[in-house]
All heavy atoms as atom14 arrays in JSON, in Angstrom:
{
  "sequence": "GYRAIGFDHRGHGESEKLYDPALYDTRIMAEDAQRLLAHL",
  "atom14_mask": [
    [1, 1, 1, 1, 0, 0, 0, 0, 0, 0, 0, 0, 0, 0],
    [1, 1, 1, 1, 1, 1, 1, 1, 1, 1, 1, 1, 0, 0],
    [1, 1, 1, 1, 1, 1, 1, 1, 1, 1, 1, 0, 0, 0],
    [1, 1, 1, 1, 1, 0, 0, 0, 0, 0, 0, 0, 0, 0],
    [1, 1, 1, 1, 1, 1, 1, 1, 0, 0, 0, 0, 0, 0],
    [1, 1, 1, 1, 0, 0, 0, 0, 0, 0, 0, 0, 0, 0],
    [1, 1, 1, 1, 1, 1, 1, 1, 1, 1, 1, 0, 0, 0],
    [1, 1, 1, 1, 1, 1, 1, 1, 0, 0, 0, 0, 0, 0],
    [1, 1, 1, 1, 1, 1, 1, 1, 1, 1, 0, 0, 0, 0],
    [1, 1, 1, 1, 1, 1, 1, 1, 1, 1, 1, 0, 0, 0],
    [1, 1, 1, 1, 0, 0, 0, 0, 0, 0, 0, 0, 0, 0],
    [1, 1, 1, 1, 1, 1, 1, 1, 1, 1, 0, 0, 0, 0],
    [1, 1, 1, 1, 0, 0, 0, 0, 0, 0, 0, 0, 0, 0],
    [1, 1, 1, 1, 1, 1, 1, 1, 1, 0, 0, 0, 0, 0],
    [1, 1, 1, 1, 1, 1, 0, 0, 0, 0, 0, 0, 0, 0],
    [1, 1, 1, 1, 1, 1, 1, 1, 1, 0, 0, 0, 0, 0],
    [1, 1, 1, 1, 1, 1, 1, 1, 1, 0, 0, 0, 0, 0],
    [1, 1, 1, 1, 1, 1, 1, 1, 0, 0, 0, 0, 0, 0],
    [1, 1, 1, 1, 1, 1, 1, 1, 1, 1, 1, 1, 0, 0],
    [1, 1, 1, 1, 1, 1, 1, 1, 0, 0, 0, 0, 0, 0],
    [1, 1, 1, 1, 1, 1, 1, 0, 0, 0, 0, 0, 0, 0],
    [1, 1, 1, 1, 1, 0, 0, 0, 0, 0, 0, 0, 0, 0],
    [1, 1, 1, 1, 1, 1, 1, 1, 0, 0, 0, 0, 0, 0],
    [1, 1, 1, 1, 1, 1, 1, 1, 1, 1, 1, 1, 0, 0],
    [1, 1, 1, 1, 1, 1, 1, 1, 0, 0, 0, 0, 0, 0],
    [1, 1, 1, 1, 1, 1, 1, 0, 0, 0, 0, 0, 0, 0],
    [1, 1, 1, 1, 1, 1, 1, 1, 1, 1, 1, 0, 0, 0],
    [1, 1, 1, 1, 1, 1, 1, 1, 0, 0, 0, 0, 0, 0],
    [1, 1, 1, 1, 1, 1, 1, 1, 0, 0, 0, 0, 0, 0],
    [1, 1, 1, 1, 1, 0, 0, 0, 0, 0, 0, 0, 0, 0],
    [1, 1, 1, 1, 1, 1, 1, 1, 1, 0, 0, 0, 0, 0],
    [1, 1, 1, 1, 1, 1, 1, 1, 0, 0, 0, 0, 0, 0],
    [1, 1, 1, 1, 1, 0, 0, 0, 0, 0, 0, 0, 0, 0],
    [1, 1, 1, 1, 1, 1, 1, 1, 1, 0, 0, 0, 0, 0],
    [1, 1, 1, 1, 1, 1, 1, 1, 1, 1, 1, 0, 0, 0],
    [1, 1, 1, 1, 1, 1, 1, 1, 0, 0, 0, 0, 0, 0],
    [1, 1, 1, 1, 1, 1, 1, 1, 0, 0, 0, 0, 0, 0],
    [1, 1, 1, 1, 1, 0, 0, 0, 0, 0, 0, 0, 0, 0],
    [1, 1, 1, 1, 1, 1, 1, 1, 1, 1, 0, 0, 0, 0],
    [1, 1, 1, 1, 1, 1, 1, 1, 0, 0, 0, 0, 0, 0]
  ],
  "atom14_positions": [
    [[124.35, 129.99, 91.51], [125.0, 130.64, 92.57], [124.16, 130.86, 93.76], [124.51, 131.72, 94.68], [0.0, 0.0, 0.0], [0.0, 0.0, 0.0], [0.0, 0.0, 0.0], [0.0, 0.0, 0.0], [0.0, 0.0, 0.0], [0.0, 0.0, 0.0], [0.0, 0.0, 0.0], [0.0, 0.0, 0.0], [0.0, 0.0, 0.0], [0.0, 0.0, 0.0]],
    [[123.12, 130.03, 93.94], [122.28, 130.15, 95.16], [122.39, 129.05, 96.1], [122.91, 127.96, 95.78], [120.73, 130.2, 94.82], [120.31, 131.45, 93.96], [120.26, 131.45, 92.56], [120.15, 132.62, 94.69], [120.1, 132.49, 91.86], [119.89, 133.84, 93.89], [119.81, 133.74, 92.54], [119.46, 134.91, 91.78], [0.0, 0.0, 0.0], [0.0, 0.0, 0.0]],
    [[122.1, 129.17, 97.43], [122.05, 128.23, 98.39], [120.72, 127.63, 98.53], [119.81, 128.31, 98.88], [122.49, 128.87, 99.74], [122.49, 127.81, 100.95], [122.98, 128.64, 102.14], [122.85, 127.78, 103.38], [123.19, 128.31, 104.67], [123.65, 129.51, 104.6], [123.09, 127.53, 105.64], [0.0, 0.0, 0.0], [0.0, 0.0, 0.0], [0.0, 0.0, 0.0]],
    [[120.5, 126.27, 98.18], [119.12, 125.75, 98.15], [118.9, 124.98, 99.52], [119.61, 124.12, 99.86], [119.15, 124.78, 97.02], [0.0, 0.0, 0.0], [0.0, 0.0, 0.0], [0.0, 0.0, 0.0], [0.0, 0.0, 0.0], [0.0, 0.0, 0.0], [0.0, 0.0, 0.0], [0.0, 0.0, 0.0], [0.0, 0.0, 0.0], [0.0, 0.0, 0.0]],
    [[117.84, 125.35, 100.21], [117.44, 124.83, 101.42], [116.03, 124.31, 101.26], [115.18, 125.01, 100.78], [117.49, 125.91, 102.51], [118.93, 126.42, 102.71], [116.99, 125.39, 103.93], [118.95, 127.8, 103.47], [0.0, 0.0, 0.0], [0.0, 0.0, 0.0], [0.0, 0.0, 0.0], [0.0, 0.0, 0.0], [0.0, 0.0, 0.0], [0.0, 0.0, 0.0]],
    [[115.8, 123.04, 101.66], [114.36, 122.52, 101.6], [114.27, 121.64, 102.83], [115.07, 121.13, 103.43], [0.0, 0.0, 0.0], [0.0, 0.0, 0.0], [0.0, 0.0, 0.0], [0.0, 0.0, 0.0], [0.0, 0.0, 0.0], [0.0, 0.0, 0.0], [0.0, 0.0, 0.0], [0.0, 0.0, 0.0], [0.0, 0.0, 0.0], [0.0, 0.0, 0.0]],
    [[112.83, 121.41, 103.09], [112.59, 120.6, 104.19], [111.28, 119.79, 103.95], [110.49, 120.14, 103.12], [112.32, 121.37, 105.48], [111.28, 122.3, 105.51], [110.1, 121.94, 106.06], [111.28, 123.57, 104.76], [108.96, 122.86, 106.1], [110.23, 124.44, 104.8], [109.01, 124.07, 105.47], [0.0, 0.0, 0.0], [0.0, 0.0, 0.0], [0.0, 0.0, 0.0]],
    [[111.17, 118.65, 104.65], [109.84, 117.93, 104.58], [108.86, 118.62, 105.6], [109.17, 118.61, 106.78], [110.12, 116.53, 104.86], [110.86, 115.72, 103.81], [110.64, 116.01, 102.68], [111.63, 114.74, 104.09], [0.0, 0.0, 0.0], [0.0, 0.0, 0.0], [0.0, 0.0, 0.0], [0.0, 0.0, 0.0], [0.0, 0.0, 0.0], [0.0, 0.0, 0.0]],
    [[107.79, 118.86, 105.15], [106.64, 119.32, 105.98], [106.37, 118.23, 107.08], [106.56, 117.01, 106.95], [105.34, 119.47, 105.3], [105.27, 120.7, 104.36], [105.4, 121.98, 105.03], [105.0, 120.87, 103.1], [105.37, 122.81, 103.92], [105.13, 122.17, 102.78], [0.0, 0.0, 0.0], [0.0, 0.0, 0.0], [0.0, 0.0, 0.0], [0.0, 0.0, 0.0]],
    [[105.93, 118.64, 108.22], [105.5, 117.71, 109.21], [104.48, 116.71, 108.54], [103.64, 117.19, 107.77], [104.85, 118.51, 110.34], [103.82, 119.53, 109.96], [103.2, 120.38, 111.14], [104.19, 121.07, 111.9], [104.04, 121.3, 113.14], [103.01, 121.04, 113.72], [105.03, 121.95, 113.83], [0.0, 0.0, 0.0], [0.0, 0.0, 0.0], [0.0, 0.0, 0.0]],
    [[104.56, 115.45, 108.89], [103.54, 114.56, 108.21], [104.02, 114.02, 106.8], [103.4, 113.12, 106.27], [0.0, 0.0, 0.0], [0.0, 0.0, 0.0], [0.0, 0.0, 0.0], [0.0, 0.0, 0.0], [0.0, 0.0, 0.0], [0.0, 0.0, 0.0], [0.0, 0.0, 0.0], [0.0, 0.0, 0.0], [0.0, 0.0, 0.0], [0.0, 0.0, 0.0]],
    [[105.12, 114.47, 106.27], [105.66, 114.12, 105.04], [107.12, 113.7, 105.0], [107.97, 114.11, 105.99], [105.65, 115.35, 104.1], [104.17, 115.9, 103.82], [103.45, 116.55, 104.78], [103.44, 115.83, 102.67], [102.22, 116.88, 104.31], [102.26, 116.47, 102.97], [0.0, 0.0, 0.0], [0.0, 0.0, 0.0], [0.0, 0.0, 0.0], [0.0, 0.0, 0.0]],
    [[107.5, 112.88, 104.07], [108.81, 112.49, 103.9], [109.48, 111.97, 105.2], [108.9, 110.97, 105.75], [0.0, 0.0, 0.0], [0.0, 0.0, 0.0], [0.0, 0.0, 0.0], [0.0, 0.0, 0.0], [0.0, 0.0, 0.0], [0.0, 0.0, 0.0], [0.0, 0.0, 0.0], [0.0, 0.0, 0.0], [0.0, 0.0, 0.0], [0.0, 0.0, 0.0]],
    [[110.62, 112.51, 105.41], [111.33, 111.97, 106.63], [111.06, 112.79, 107.92], [111.64, 112.46, 108.98], [112.91, 112.02, 106.42], [113.3, 111.2, 105.19], [114.79, 111.41, 104.98], [115.62, 110.78, 105.66], [115.07, 111.97, 103.88], [0.0, 0.0, 0.0], [0.0, 0.0, 0.0], [0.0, 0.0, 0.0], [0.0, 0.0, 0.0], [0.0, 0.0, 0.0]],
    [[110.11, 113.7, 107.86], [109.73, 114.41, 109.07], [108.76, 113.7, 109.92], [108.14, 112.74, 109.43], [109.17, 115.76, 108.76], [110.32, 116.63, 108.2], [0.0, 0.0, 0.0], [0.0, 0.0, 0.0], [0.0, 0.0, 0.0], [0.0, 0.0, 0.0], [0.0, 0.0, 0.0], [0.0, 0.0, 0.0], [0.0, 0.0, 0.0], [0.0, 0.0, 0.0]],
    [[108.64, 114.18, 111.17], [107.71, 113.37, 112.09], [106.23, 113.39, 111.62], [105.79, 114.46, 110.99], [107.82, 114.16, 113.41], [107.04, 113.5, 114.51], [107.25, 114.18, 115.89], [108.15, 114.94, 116.0], [106.52, 113.71, 116.9], [0.0, 0.0, 0.0], [0.0, 0.0, 0.0], [0.0, 0.0, 0.0], [0.0, 0.0, 0.0], [0.0, 0.0, 0.0]],
    [[105.62, 112.32, 111.7], [104.17, 112.13, 111.41], [103.34, 112.52, 112.66], [103.43, 112.01, 113.75], [103.98, 110.67, 110.97], [104.89, 110.21, 109.89], [104.92, 111.22, 108.66], [105.85, 110.57, 107.63], [107.36, 110.52, 108.03], [0.0, 0.0, 0.0], [0.0, 0.0, 0.0], [0.0, 0.0, 0.0], [0.0, 0.0, 0.0], [0.0, 0.0, 0.0]],
    [[102.35, 113.44, 112.4], [101.35, 113.79, 113.34], [99.99, 113.46, 112.86], [99.75, 113.55, 111.61], [101.56, 115.33, 113.65], [102.92, 115.78, 113.86], [102.96, 117.29, 113.97], [103.41, 115.19, 115.42], [0.0, 0.0, 0.0], [0.0, 0.0, 0.0], [0.0, 0.0, 0.0], [0.0, 0.0, 0.0], [0.0, 0.0, 0.0], [0.0, 0.0, 0.0]],
    [[99.07, 113.26, 113.74], [97.66, 112.76, 113.36], [96.53, 113.74, 113.82], [95.38, 113.35, 113.55], [97.45, 111.3, 113.8], [98.59, 110.42, 113.35], [99.66, 110.07, 114.15], [98.72, 110.12, 111.95], [100.63, 109.29, 113.72], [99.73, 109.31, 111.49], [100.75, 108.93, 112.37], [101.87, 108.15, 111.77], [0.0, 0.0, 0.0], [0.0, 0.0, 0.0]],
    [[96.86, 114.82, 114.35], [95.8, 115.8, 114.77], [95.74, 116.9, 113.68], [96.72, 117.63, 113.4], [96.23, 116.41, 116.05], [95.18, 117.41, 116.67], [94.24, 117.78, 115.9], [95.36, 117.94, 117.72], [0.0, 0.0, 0.0], [0.0, 0.0, 0.0], [0.0, 0.0, 0.0], [0.0, 0.0, 0.0], [0.0, 0.0, 0.0], [0.0, 0.0, 0.0]],
    [[94.61, 116.95, 112.99], [94.48, 118.05, 111.93], [94.85, 119.49, 112.49], [95.39, 120.2, 111.63], [93.01, 117.94, 111.65], [92.53, 116.55, 111.8], [93.38, 116.26, 113.12], [0.0, 0.0, 0.0], [0.0, 0.0, 0.0], [0.0, 0.0, 0.0], [0.0, 0.0, 0.0], [0.0, 0.0, 0.0], [0.0, 0.0, 0.0], [0.0, 0.0, 0.0]],
    [[94.64, 119.73, 113.71], [94.9, 121.07, 114.2], [96.53, 121.34, 114.11], [96.77, 122.64, 114.14], [94.34, 121.21, 115.61], [0.0, 0.0, 0.0], [0.0, 0.0, 0.0], [0.0, 0.0, 0.0], [0.0, 0.0, 0.0], [0.0, 0.0, 0.0], [0.0, 0.0, 0.0], [0.0, 0.0, 0.0], [0.0, 0.0, 0.0], [0.0, 0.0, 0.0]],
    [[97.33, 120.38, 114.05], [98.66, 120.63, 113.99], [99.12, 120.91, 112.55], [100.39, 121.12, 112.37], [99.45, 119.39, 114.56], [99.14, 119.11, 116.09], [99.84, 117.86, 116.63], [99.59, 120.28, 116.96], [0.0, 0.0, 0.0], [0.0, 0.0, 0.0], [0.0, 0.0, 0.0], [0.0, 0.0, 0.0], [0.0, 0.0, 0.0], [0.0, 0.0, 0.0]],
    [[98.3, 120.9, 111.57], [98.61, 121.16, 110.26], [98.12, 122.56, 109.72], [98.15, 122.77, 108.5], [98.21, 120.0, 109.35], [98.95, 118.77, 109.55], [98.34, 117.77, 110.38], [100.02, 118.54, 108.9], [99.07, 116.56, 110.56], [100.9, 117.27, 109.03], [100.31, 116.29, 109.92], [101.06, 115.14, 110.17], [0.0, 0.0, 0.0], [0.0, 0.0, 0.0]],
    [[97.73, 123.4, 110.74], [97.37, 124.81, 110.27], [98.51, 125.32, 109.49], [99.75, 125.34, 110.01], [97.11, 125.52, 111.54], [96.55, 126.94, 111.2], [97.23, 127.68, 110.54], [95.46, 127.31, 111.83], [0.0, 0.0, 0.0], [0.0, 0.0, 0.0], [0.0, 0.0, 0.0], [0.0, 0.0, 0.0], [0.0, 0.0, 0.0], [0.0, 0.0, 0.0]],
    [[98.34, 126.0, 108.33], [99.39, 126.57, 107.53], [100.24, 127.61, 108.25], [101.37, 127.76, 107.93], [98.91, 127.04, 106.24], [97.87, 127.88, 106.37], [98.51, 125.91, 105.32], [0.0, 0.0, 0.0], [0.0, 0.0, 0.0], [0.0, 0.0, 0.0], [0.0, 0.0, 0.0], [0.0, 0.0, 0.0], [0.0, 0.0, 0.0], [0.0, 0.0, 0.0]],
    [[99.58, 128.28, 109.27], [100.31, 129.29, 110.06], [101.48, 128.55, 110.89], [102.49, 129.12, 111.1], [99.4, 130.04, 110.92], [98.49, 131.09, 110.08], [97.24, 131.57, 110.73], [96.35, 130.53, 111.12], [95.06, 130.64, 111.38], [94.64, 131.92, 111.39], [94.21, 129.77, 111.68], [0.0, 0.0, 0.0], [0.0, 0.0, 0.0], [0.0, 0.0, 0.0]],
    [[101.03, 127.38, 111.38], [102.02, 126.45, 112.28], [103.12, 125.99, 111.32], [104.25, 125.95, 111.56], [101.21, 125.47, 113.0], [100.26, 125.94, 113.9], [102.21, 124.43, 113.54], [99.37, 124.85, 114.6], [0.0, 0.0, 0.0], [0.0, 0.0, 0.0], [0.0, 0.0, 0.0], [0.0, 0.0, 0.0], [0.0, 0.0, 0.0], [0.0, 0.0, 0.0]],
    [[102.67, 125.61, 110.08], [103.73, 125.06, 109.23], [104.61, 126.14, 108.76], [105.71, 125.98, 108.51], [102.98, 124.38, 108.0], [102.19, 123.21, 108.37], [101.09, 122.59, 107.18], [102.18, 121.62, 106.11], [0.0, 0.0, 0.0], [0.0, 0.0, 0.0], [0.0, 0.0, 0.0], [0.0, 0.0, 0.0], [0.0, 0.0, 0.0], [0.0, 0.0, 0.0]],
    [[104.14, 127.34, 108.65], [105.01, 128.56, 108.35], [106.08, 128.83, 109.49], [107.26, 129.23, 109.22], [104.28, 129.8, 108.09], [0.0, 0.0, 0.0], [0.0, 0.0, 0.0], [0.0, 0.0, 0.0], [0.0, 0.0, 0.0], [0.0, 0.0, 0.0], [0.0, 0.0, 0.0], [0.0, 0.0, 0.0], [0.0, 0.0, 0.0], [0.0, 0.0, 0.0]],
    [[105.62, 128.5, 110.69], [106.53, 128.65, 111.81], [107.66, 127.51, 111.73], [108.85, 127.84, 112.06], [105.88, 128.39, 113.17], [104.84, 129.48, 113.43], [104.0, 129.19, 114.82], [104.2, 128.09, 115.35], [103.19, 130.04, 115.1], [0.0, 0.0, 0.0], [0.0, 0.0, 0.0], [0.0, 0.0, 0.0], [0.0, 0.0, 0.0], [0.0, 0.0, 0.0]],
    [[107.33, 126.28, 111.15], [108.46, 125.33, 110.9], [109.4, 125.97, 109.95], [110.64, 125.78, 110.23], [107.83, 124.1, 110.25], [106.91, 123.23, 111.18], [107.16, 123.44, 112.39], [106.1, 122.49, 110.71], [0.0, 0.0, 0.0], [0.0, 0.0, 0.0], [0.0, 0.0, 0.0], [0.0, 0.0, 0.0], [0.0, 0.0, 0.0], [0.0, 0.0, 0.0]],
    [[108.99, 126.57, 108.84], [109.93, 127.15, 107.95], [110.79, 128.26, 108.55], [111.99, 128.46, 108.33], [109.1, 127.74, 106.79], [0.0, 0.0, 0.0], [0.0, 0.0, 0.0], [0.0, 0.0, 0.0], [0.0, 0.0, 0.0], [0.0, 0.0, 0.0], [0.0, 0.0, 0.0], [0.0, 0.0, 0.0], [0.0, 0.0, 0.0], [0.0, 0.0, 0.0]],
    [[110.12, 129.22, 109.29], [110.75, 130.3, 109.91], [111.86, 129.64, 111.02], [113.04, 130.19, 110.98], [109.85, 131.27, 110.67], [110.43, 131.98, 111.75], [111.29, 133.06, 111.21], [111.36, 133.23, 109.92], [112.12, 133.75, 111.97], [0.0, 0.0, 0.0], [0.0, 0.0, 0.0], [0.0, 0.0, 0.0], [0.0, 0.0, 0.0], [0.0, 0.0, 0.0]],
    [[111.5, 128.63, 111.69], [112.44, 128.04, 112.62], [113.62, 127.33, 111.89], [114.78, 127.38, 112.53], [111.74, 127.03, 113.56], [110.75, 127.7, 114.51], [110.26, 126.65, 115.47], [109.22, 127.19, 116.32], [107.83, 126.86, 116.21], [107.46, 125.95, 115.42], [107.04, 127.53, 116.99], [0.0, 0.0, 0.0], [0.0, 0.0, 0.0], [0.0, 0.0, 0.0]],
    [[113.42, 126.82, 110.74], [114.55, 126.33, 110.07], [115.54, 127.39, 109.63], [116.73, 127.24, 109.8], [114.06, 125.58, 108.76], [115.16, 125.05, 107.86], [116.1, 124.15, 108.55], [114.55, 124.35, 106.63], [0.0, 0.0, 0.0], [0.0, 0.0, 0.0], [0.0, 0.0, 0.0], [0.0, 0.0, 0.0], [0.0, 0.0, 0.0], [0.0, 0.0, 0.0]],
    [[115.02, 128.52, 109.2], [115.98, 129.65, 108.92], [116.77, 130.07, 110.11], [117.95, 130.23, 110.15], [115.18, 130.85, 108.42], [114.62, 130.65, 106.85], [113.95, 131.93, 106.5], [115.56, 130.18, 105.86], [0.0, 0.0, 0.0], [0.0, 0.0, 0.0], [0.0, 0.0, 0.0], [0.0, 0.0, 0.0], [0.0, 0.0, 0.0], [0.0, 0.0, 0.0]],
    [[116.05, 130.1, 111.23], [116.72, 130.49, 112.57], [117.68, 129.46, 112.92], [118.86, 129.77, 113.47], [115.6, 130.63, 113.61], [0.0, 0.0, 0.0], [0.0, 0.0, 0.0], [0.0, 0.0, 0.0], [0.0, 0.0, 0.0], [0.0, 0.0, 0.0], [0.0, 0.0, 0.0], [0.0, 0.0, 0.0], [0.0, 0.0, 0.0], [0.0, 0.0, 0.0]],
    [[117.39, 128.16, 112.79], [118.29, 127.09, 113.09], [119.55, 127.17, 112.34], [120.65, 126.88, 112.83], [117.49, 125.76, 112.74], [118.48, 124.57, 112.88], [118.89, 124.05, 114.06], [119.03, 123.82, 111.97], [119.71, 122.95, 113.91], [119.74, 122.71, 112.56], [0.0, 0.0, 0.0], [0.0, 0.0, 0.0], [0.0, 0.0, 0.0], [0.0, 0.0, 0.0]],
    [[119.46, 127.61, 110.97], [120.61, 127.77, 110.17], [121.32, 129.07, 110.27], [122.29, 129.42, 109.6], [120.2, 127.54, 108.68], [119.64, 126.18, 108.32], [119.09, 126.23, 106.91], [120.76, 125.15, 108.57], [0.0, 0.0, 0.0], [0.0, 0.0, 0.0], [0.0, 0.0, 0.0], [0.0, 0.0, 0.0], [0.0, 0.0, 0.0], [0.0, 0.0, 0.0]]
  ]
}
């Protein structure tokens, strides 16, 4: 009875690939997650 939402991290799966390590800070990746909720 739950709604399942998942995403590919930046650099993974079908999401955009980035090559600067600074863009993979887990605080930035948490912003991706937060923005997905806002998008929905």
